Amino acid sequence: MGASGARLWREMTEDGSLPPMAMVLLLEACRIADRLDQLDRQLQGEAWLEFQQDEESGSVVVVMDKALAEARQQATAFKQIVAELRQASGGRGKSKASQGEKRSERGANGIADLTSRIASRRSSSAG
């Protein structure tokens, strides 16, 4: 595990262990965090890929046009997994103040309340 993944693991598990499904999500989030670091280094020109030449043809084909798109997709996946982890772990990994604010905003229904707030905002901005 890389530096970002290890830091995320440590911060999310410092209060005790997580349920098994949350551990799987956390592991994937750690991998994505490390992958994002690697993609960022590649986009900054600091890290390059190692290539192996095809023994039969002697050629190497390199296409590096999707690194930014992949970084965006990984960031989206990371955000979704972290949100799911926070919900599953009761906000572990957040500050105490933001935990209290989010819990009071969510009310008893959680996702249903969030969905209604999104719909309300969309209708008010459309009209």
N, C-alpha and C. Protein backbone atom coordinates (compact mmCIF):
# COMPACT_ATOMS: atom_id res chain seq x y z
N MET A 1 0.85 -1.17 0.00
CA MET A 1 0.00 0.00 0.00
C MET A 1 0.90 1.23 0.00
N GLY A 2 0.48 2.24 -0.77
CA GLY A 2 1.24 3.48 -0.86
C GLY A 2 0.97 4.40 0.32
N ALA A 3 1.59 5.57 0.29
CA ALA A 3 1.48 6.51 1.40
C ALA A 3 0.05 6.99 1.63
N SER A 4 -0.64 7.38 0.58
CA SER A 4 -2.02 7.88 0.75
C SER A 4 -2.95 6.79 1.22
N GLY A 5 -2.81 5.61 0.65
CA GLY A 5 -3.65 4.48 1.06
C GLY A 5 -3.41 4.10 2.51
N ALA A 6 -2.15 4.07 2.91
CA ALA A 6 -1.82 3.72 4.30
C ALA A 6 -2.35 4.77 5.27
N ARG A 7 -2.24 6.04 4.90
CA ARG A 7 -2.75 7.11 5.76
C ARG A 7 -4.27 7.01 5.90
N LEU A 8 -4.96 6.76 4.79
CA LEU A 8 -6.42 6.62 4.84
C LEU A 8 -6.82 5.43 5.70
N TRP A 9 -6.12 4.31 5.54
CA TRP A 9 -6.41 3.10 6.34
C TRP A 9 -6.26 3.40 7.83
N ARG A 10 -5.13 4.04 8.16
CA ARG A 10 -4.83 4.35 9.56
C ARG A 10 -5.89 5.28 10.16
N GLU A 11 -6.26 6.32 9.42
CA GLU A 11 -7.24 7.27 9.93
C GLU A 11 -8.63 6.66 10.09
N MET A 12 -9.00 5.78 9.18
CA MET A 12 -10.34 5.19 9.23
C MET A 12 -10.45 4.07 10.27
N THR A 13 -9.32 3.47 10.65
CA THR A 13 -9.38 2.35 11.59
C THR A 13 -8.85 2.71 12.97
N GLU A 14 -8.48 3.96 13.20
CA GLU A 14 -7.90 4.33 14.49
C GLU A 14 -8.89 4.21 15.65
N ASP A 15 -10.19 4.29 15.37
CA ASP A 15 -11.20 4.17 16.43
C ASP A 15 -11.68 2.75 16.64
N GLY A 16 -11.05 1.80 15.99
CA GLY A 16 -11.47 0.40 16.10
C GLY A 16 -11.75 -0.18 14.73
N SER A 17 -12.05 -1.44 14.71
CA SER A 17 -12.25 -2.09 13.42
C SER A 17 -13.63 -1.78 12.86
N LEU A 18 -13.73 -1.92 11.55
CA LEU A 18 -14.98 -1.69 10.83
C LEU A 18 -15.66 -3.01 10.56
N PRO A 19 -16.94 -2.99 10.23
CA PRO A 19 -17.61 -4.23 9.81
C PRO A 19 -16.94 -4.78 8.54
N PRO A 20 -17.06 -6.07 8.29
CA PRO A 20 -16.37 -6.69 7.14
C PRO A 20 -16.61 -5.99 5.80
N MET A 21 -17.85 -5.62 5.49
CA MET A 21 -18.12 -4.97 4.21
C MET A 21 -17.45 -3.60 4.14
N ALA A 22 -17.43 -2.89 5.24
CA ALA A 22 -16.77 -1.59 5.28
C ALA A 22 -15.27 -1.76 5.11
N MET A 23 -14.70 -2.85 5.64
CA MET A 23 -13.26 -3.10 5.46
C MET A 23 -12.93 -3.30 3.99
N VAL A 24 -13.80 -4.01 3.26
CA VAL A 24 -13.59 -4.22 1.83
C VAL A 24 -13.65 -2.88 1.09
N LEU A 25 -14.64 -2.06 1.43
CA LEU A 25 -14.75 -0.74 0.81
C LEU A 25 -13.54 0.13 1.14
N LEU A 26 -13.09 0.06 2.38
CA LEU A 26 -11.93 0.85 2.79
C LEU A 26 -10.69 0.41 2.02
N LEU A 27 -10.49 -0.88 1.87
CA LEU A 27 -9.34 -1.37 1.12
C LEU A 27 -9.37 -0.85 -0.31
N GLU A 28 -10.53 -0.89 -0.94
CA GLU A 28 -10.65 -0.39 -2.31
C GLU A 28 -10.42 1.12 -2.36
N ALA A 29 -10.90 1.85 -1.37
CA ALA A 29 -10.66 3.29 -1.31
C ALA A 29 -9.17 3.58 -1.17
N CYS A 30 -8.46 2.79 -0.39
CA CYS A 30 -7.01 2.95 -0.22
C CYS A 30 -6.29 2.70 -1.54
N ARG A 31 -6.71 1.66 -2.25
CA ARG A 31 -6.10 1.37 -3.56
C ARG A 31 -6.34 2.52 -4.53
N ILE A 32 -7.55 3.04 -4.53
CA ILE A 32 -7.87 4.15 -5.44
C ILE A 32 -7.06 5.39 -5.07
N ALA A 33 -6.90 5.66 -3.78
CA ALA A 33 -6.10 6.81 -3.35
C ALA A 33 -4.68 6.69 -3.88
N ASP A 34 -4.10 5.50 -3.79
CA ASP A 34 -2.75 5.28 -4.31
C ASP A 34 -2.72 5.40 -5.84
N ARG A 35 -3.75 4.88 -6.50
CA ARG A 35 -3.85 4.97 -7.96
C ARG A 35 -3.94 6.44 -8.39
N LEU A 36 -4.69 7.23 -7.65
CA LEU A 36 -4.80 8.66 -7.96
C LEU A 36 -3.45 9.36 -7.81
N ASP A 37 -2.68 8.98 -6.80
CA ASP A 37 -1.34 9.54 -6.64
C ASP A 37 -0.47 9.21 -7.85
N GLN A 38 -0.52 7.96 -8.30
CA GLN A 38 0.28 7.53 -9.45
C GLN A 38 -0.16 8.26 -10.72
N LEU A 39 -1.46 8.36 -10.93
CA LEU A 39 -1.96 9.09 -12.11
C LEU A 39 -1.55 10.55 -12.06
N ASP A 40 -1.59 11.16 -10.88
CA ASP A 40 -1.17 12.55 -10.74
C ASP A 40 0.30 12.71 -11.08
N ARG A 41 1.13 11.79 -10.60
CA ARG A 41 2.56 11.86 -10.93
C ARG A 41 2.78 11.74 -12.43
N GLN A 42 2.02 10.86 -13.08
CA GLN A 42 2.15 10.71 -14.53
C GLN A 42 1.71 11.98 -15.25
N LEU A 43 0.60 12.57 -14.81
CA LEU A 43 0.11 13.79 -15.45
C LEU A 43 1.07 14.96 -15.24
N GLN A 44 1.78 14.97 -14.12
CA GLN A 44 2.76 16.02 -13.84
C GLN A 44 4.10 15.76 -14.53
N GLY A 45 4.24 14.59 -15.16
CA GLY A 45 5.48 14.24 -15.83
C GLY A 45 6.56 13.74 -14.89
N GLU A 46 6.21 13.42 -13.66
CA GLU A 46 7.19 12.97 -12.67
C GLU A 46 7.40 11.47 -12.69
N ALA A 47 6.42 10.74 -13.11
CA ALA A 47 6.52 9.27 -13.12
C ALA A 47 6.13 8.78 -14.50
N TRP A 48 6.90 7.89 -15.02
CA TRP A 48 6.60 7.34 -16.34
C TRP A 48 6.47 5.84 -16.24
N LEU A 49 5.82 5.31 -17.20
CA LEU A 49 5.62 3.87 -17.25
C LEU A 49 6.88 3.18 -17.74
N GLU A 50 7.06 1.93 -17.34
CA GLU A 50 8.14 1.12 -17.88
C GLU A 50 7.57 0.28 -19.01
N PHE A 51 8.31 0.19 -20.09
CA PHE A 51 7.82 -0.53 -21.26
C PHE A 51 8.67 -1.75 -21.53
N GLN A 52 8.02 -2.77 -22.05
CA GLN A 52 8.73 -3.96 -22.48
C GLN A 52 8.54 -4.10 -23.97
N GLN A 53 9.63 -4.38 -24.64
CA GLN A 53 9.58 -4.50 -26.09
C GLN A 53 9.10 -5.89 -26.49
N ASP A 54 8.22 -5.95 -27.48
CA ASP A 54 7.73 -7.22 -28.01
C ASP A 54 8.90 -7.93 -28.68
N GLU A 55 9.23 -9.14 -28.22
CA GLU A 55 10.39 -9.85 -28.73
C GLU A 55 10.26 -10.22 -30.20
N GLU A 56 9.04 -10.52 -30.65
CA GLU A 56 8.85 -10.92 -32.04
C GLU A 56 8.94 -9.74 -33.00
N SER A 57 8.20 -8.70 -32.74
CA SER A 57 8.17 -7.57 -33.67
C SER A 57 9.18 -6.48 -33.32
N GLY A 58 9.59 -6.43 -32.07
CA GLY A 58 10.52 -5.41 -31.64
C GLY A 58 9.89 -4.05 -31.43
N SER A 59 8.58 -3.99 -31.56
CA SER A 59 7.92 -2.68 -31.47
C SER A 59 7.26 -2.47 -30.11
N VAL A 60 7.10 -1.21 -29.81
CA VAL A 60 6.40 -0.80 -28.60
C VAL A 60 5.39 0.27 -29.01
N VAL A 61 4.14 0.09 -28.62
CA VAL A 61 3.11 1.07 -28.91
C VAL A 61 2.65 1.67 -27.59
N VAL A 62 2.70 2.99 -27.51
CA VAL A 62 2.33 3.68 -26.28
C VAL A 62 1.23 4.69 -26.60
N VAL A 63 0.14 4.62 -25.84
CA VAL A 63 -0.94 5.60 -25.97
C VAL A 63 -1.17 6.19 -24.58
N MET A 64 -0.96 7.48 -24.44
CA MET A 64 -1.12 8.15 -23.14
C MET A 64 -2.15 9.26 -23.23
N ASP A 65 -3.30 8.98 -23.80
CA ASP A 65 -4.30 10.02 -23.95
C ASP A 65 -5.46 9.89 -22.98
N LYS A 66 -5.44 8.92 -22.11
CA LYS A 66 -6.57 8.67 -21.23
C LYS A 66 -6.25 8.85 -19.75
N ALA A 67 -5.06 9.31 -19.41
CA ALA A 67 -4.68 9.42 -18.00
C ALA A 67 -5.56 10.40 -17.24
N LEU A 68 -5.86 11.54 -17.82
CA LEU A 68 -6.70 12.52 -17.13
C LEU A 68 -8.13 12.01 -16.97
N ALA A 69 -8.67 11.39 -18.01
CA ALA A 69 -10.02 10.82 -17.91
C ALA A 69 -10.07 9.73 -16.85
N GLU A 70 -9.04 8.90 -16.80
CA GLU A 70 -8.99 7.84 -15.80
C GLU A 70 -8.88 8.42 -14.40
N ALA A 71 -8.09 9.48 -14.25
CA ALA A 71 -7.97 10.13 -12.94
C ALA A 71 -9.32 10.67 -12.48
N ARG A 72 -10.06 11.24 -13.40
CA ARG A 72 -11.40 11.75 -13.05
C ARG A 72 -12.33 10.62 -12.63
N GLN A 73 -12.29 9.51 -13.37
CA GLN A 73 -13.14 8.37 -13.02
C GLN A 73 -12.76 7.79 -11.67
N GLN A 74 -11.46 7.68 -11.42
CA GLN A 74 -11.00 7.15 -10.14
C GLN A 74 -11.41 8.08 -9.00
N ALA A 75 -11.32 9.39 -9.23
CA ALA A 75 -11.72 10.36 -8.20
C ALA A 75 -13.21 10.23 -7.88
N THR A 76 -14.02 10.03 -8.91
CA THR A 76 -15.45 9.85 -8.70
C THR A 76 -15.73 8.57 -7.91
N ALA A 77 -15.06 7.49 -8.29
CA ALA A 77 -15.23 6.22 -7.57
C ALA A 77 -14.78 6.37 -6.12
N PHE A 78 -13.67 7.06 -5.90
CA PHE A 78 -13.15 7.29 -4.55
C PHE A 78 -14.17 8.06 -3.71
N LYS A 79 -14.72 9.11 -4.28
CA LYS A 79 -15.70 9.93 -3.57
C LYS A 79 -16.92 9.10 -3.17
N GLN A 80 -17.39 8.25 -4.07
CA GLN A 80 -18.56 7.42 -3.77
C GLN A 80 -18.27 6.41 -2.67
N ILE A 81 -17.10 5.78 -2.74
CA ILE A 81 -16.74 4.78 -1.73
C ILE A 81 -16.57 5.44 -0.37
N VAL A 82 -15.91 6.59 -0.33
CA VAL A 82 -15.72 7.29 0.94
C VAL A 82 -17.06 7.71 1.53
N ALA A 83 -17.98 8.18 0.70
CA ALA A 83 -19.32 8.54 1.19
C ALA A 83 -20.03 7.32 1.77
N GLU A 84 -19.92 6.20 1.10
CA GLU A 84 -20.55 4.97 1.60
C GLU A 84 -19.89 4.51 2.90
N LEU A 85 -18.57 4.64 2.98
CA LEU A 85 -17.87 4.28 4.21
C LEU A 85 -18.30 5.18 5.37
N ARG A 86 -18.41 6.46 5.11
CA ARG A 86 -18.82 7.39 6.17
C ARG A 86 -20.22 7.06 6.66
N GLN A 87 -21.10 6.73 5.74
CA GLN A 87 -22.46 6.38 6.13
C GLN A 87 -22.46 5.09 6.93
N ALA A 88 -21.69 4.10 6.49
CA ALA A 88 -21.65 2.80 7.16
C ALA A 88 -20.99 2.88 8.53
N SER A 89 -20.00 3.78 8.66
CA SER A 89 -19.26 3.85 9.92
C SER A 89 -19.75 4.97 10.83
N GLY A 90 -20.86 5.57 10.49
CA GLY A 90 -21.41 6.63 11.35
C GLY A 90 -20.60 7.89 11.32
N GLY A 91 -19.92 8.17 10.19
CA GLY A 91 -19.19 9.41 10.06
C GLY A 91 -17.75 9.34 10.48
N ARG A 92 -17.21 8.14 10.71
CA ARG A 92 -15.81 8.01 11.10
C ARG A 92 -14.95 8.65 10.01
N GLY A 93 -13.93 9.40 10.41
CA GLY A 93 -13.07 10.07 9.46
C GLY A 93 -13.47 11.53 9.25
N LYS A 94 -14.52 11.99 9.88
CA LYS A 94 -14.94 13.39 9.81
C LYS A 94 -14.63 14.06 11.14
N SER A 95 -14.65 15.37 11.13
CA SER A 95 -14.51 16.08 12.39
C SER A 95 -15.79 15.92 13.19
N LYS A 96 -15.68 16.05 14.49
CA LYS A 96 -16.85 15.90 15.37
C LYS A 96 -17.94 16.92 15.02
N ALA A 97 -17.55 18.15 14.69
CA ALA A 97 -18.53 19.19 14.38
C ALA A 97 -19.30 18.85 13.11
N SER A 98 -18.58 18.42 12.07
CA SER A 98 -19.28 18.12 10.81
C SER A 98 -20.15 16.88 10.96
N GLN A 99 -19.77 15.94 11.82
CA GLN A 99 -20.61 14.76 12.05
C GLN A 99 -21.95 15.18 12.63
N GLY A 100 -21.93 16.05 13.62
CA GLY A 100 -23.16 16.50 14.26
C GLY A 100 -24.04 17.27 13.30
N GLU A 101 -23.42 18.13 12.47
CA GLU A 101 -24.19 18.89 11.50
C GLU A 101 -24.87 17.98 10.49
N LYS A 102 -24.13 17.02 9.97
CA LYS A 102 -24.68 16.13 8.95
C LYS A 102 -25.78 15.26 9.53
N ARG A 103 -25.61 14.78 10.75
CA ARG A 103 -26.64 13.94 11.36
C ARG A 103 -27.93 14.73 11.55
N SER A 104 -27.80 15.99 11.97
CA SER A 104 -29.02 16.77 12.17
C SER A 104 -29.68 17.12 10.85
N GLU A 105 -28.87 17.31 9.78
CA GLU A 105 -29.44 17.59 8.46
C GLU A 105 -30.15 16.36 7.90
N ARG A 106 -29.58 15.19 8.13
CA ARG A 106 -30.12 13.95 7.58
C ARG A 106 -31.46 13.60 8.18
N GLY A 107 -31.61 13.88 9.45
CA GLY A 107 -32.82 13.47 10.13
C GLY A 107 -32.87 11.96 10.23
N ALA A 108 -34.05 11.40 10.34
CA ALA A 108 -34.19 9.96 10.53
C ALA A 108 -34.11 9.19 9.24
N ASN A 109 -34.35 9.85 8.09
CA ASN A 109 -34.48 9.11 6.84
C ASN A 109 -33.21 9.01 6.03
N GLY A 110 -32.16 9.74 6.32
CA GLY A 110 -30.90 9.63 5.62
C GLY A 110 -31.02 9.89 4.13
N ILE A 111 -30.91 8.85 3.32
CA ILE A 111 -30.89 8.96 1.87
C ILE A 111 -32.20 9.53 1.34
N ALA A 112 -33.32 9.11 1.89
CA ALA A 112 -34.62 9.62 1.43
C ALA A 112 -34.68 11.13 1.64
N ASP A 113 -34.18 11.61 2.77
CA ASP A 113 -34.18 13.04 3.04
C ASP A 113 -33.25 13.76 2.07
N LEU A 114 -32.09 13.18 1.80
CA LEU A 114 -31.14 13.75 0.86
C LEU A 114 -31.76 13.86 -0.52
N THR A 115 -32.44 12.80 -0.95
CA THR A 115 -33.09 12.80 -2.26
C THR A 115 -34.13 13.90 -2.35
N SER A 116 -34.91 14.08 -1.30
CA SER A 116 -35.93 15.13 -1.33
C SER A 116 -35.30 16.52 -1.34
N ARG A 117 -34.18 16.70 -0.62
CA ARG A 117 -33.51 18.00 -0.64
C ARG A 117 -32.95 18.31 -2.02
N ILE A 118 -32.39 17.30 -2.70
CA ILE A 118 -31.86 17.50 -4.05
C ILE A 118 -33.00 17.89 -4.99
N ALA A 119 -34.11 17.16 -4.91
CA ALA A 119 -35.26 17.46 -5.77
C ALA A 119 -35.78 18.87 -5.50
N SER A 120 -35.81 19.26 -4.24
CA SER A 120 -36.28 20.60 -3.87
C SER A 120 -35.37 21.68 -4.44
N ARG A 121 -34.06 21.48 -4.35
CA ARG A 121 -33.12 22.46 -4.89
C ARG A 121 -33.24 22.55 -6.40
N ARG A 122 -33.38 21.41 -7.06
CA ARG A 122 -33.51 21.42 -8.52
C ARG A 122 -34.77 22.16 -8.95
N SER A 123 -35.87 21.91 -8.26
CA SER A 123 -37.12 22.57 -8.64
C SER A 123 -37.07 24.07 -8.36
N SER A 124 -36.41 24.47 -7.28
CA SER A 124 -36.32 25.90 -6.97
C SER A 124 -35.37 26.62 -7.92
N SER A 125 -34.32 25.95 -8.38
CA SER A 125 -33.40 26.60 -9.32
C SER A 125 -33.96 26.61 -10.74
N ALA A 126 -34.84 25.65 -11.06
CA ALA A 126 -35.45 25.60 -12.39
C ALA A 126 -36.56 26.64 -12.54
N GLY A 127 -37.19 26.99 -11.44
CA GLY A 127 -38.36 27.88 -11.51
C GLY A 127 -38.03 29.25 -11.13
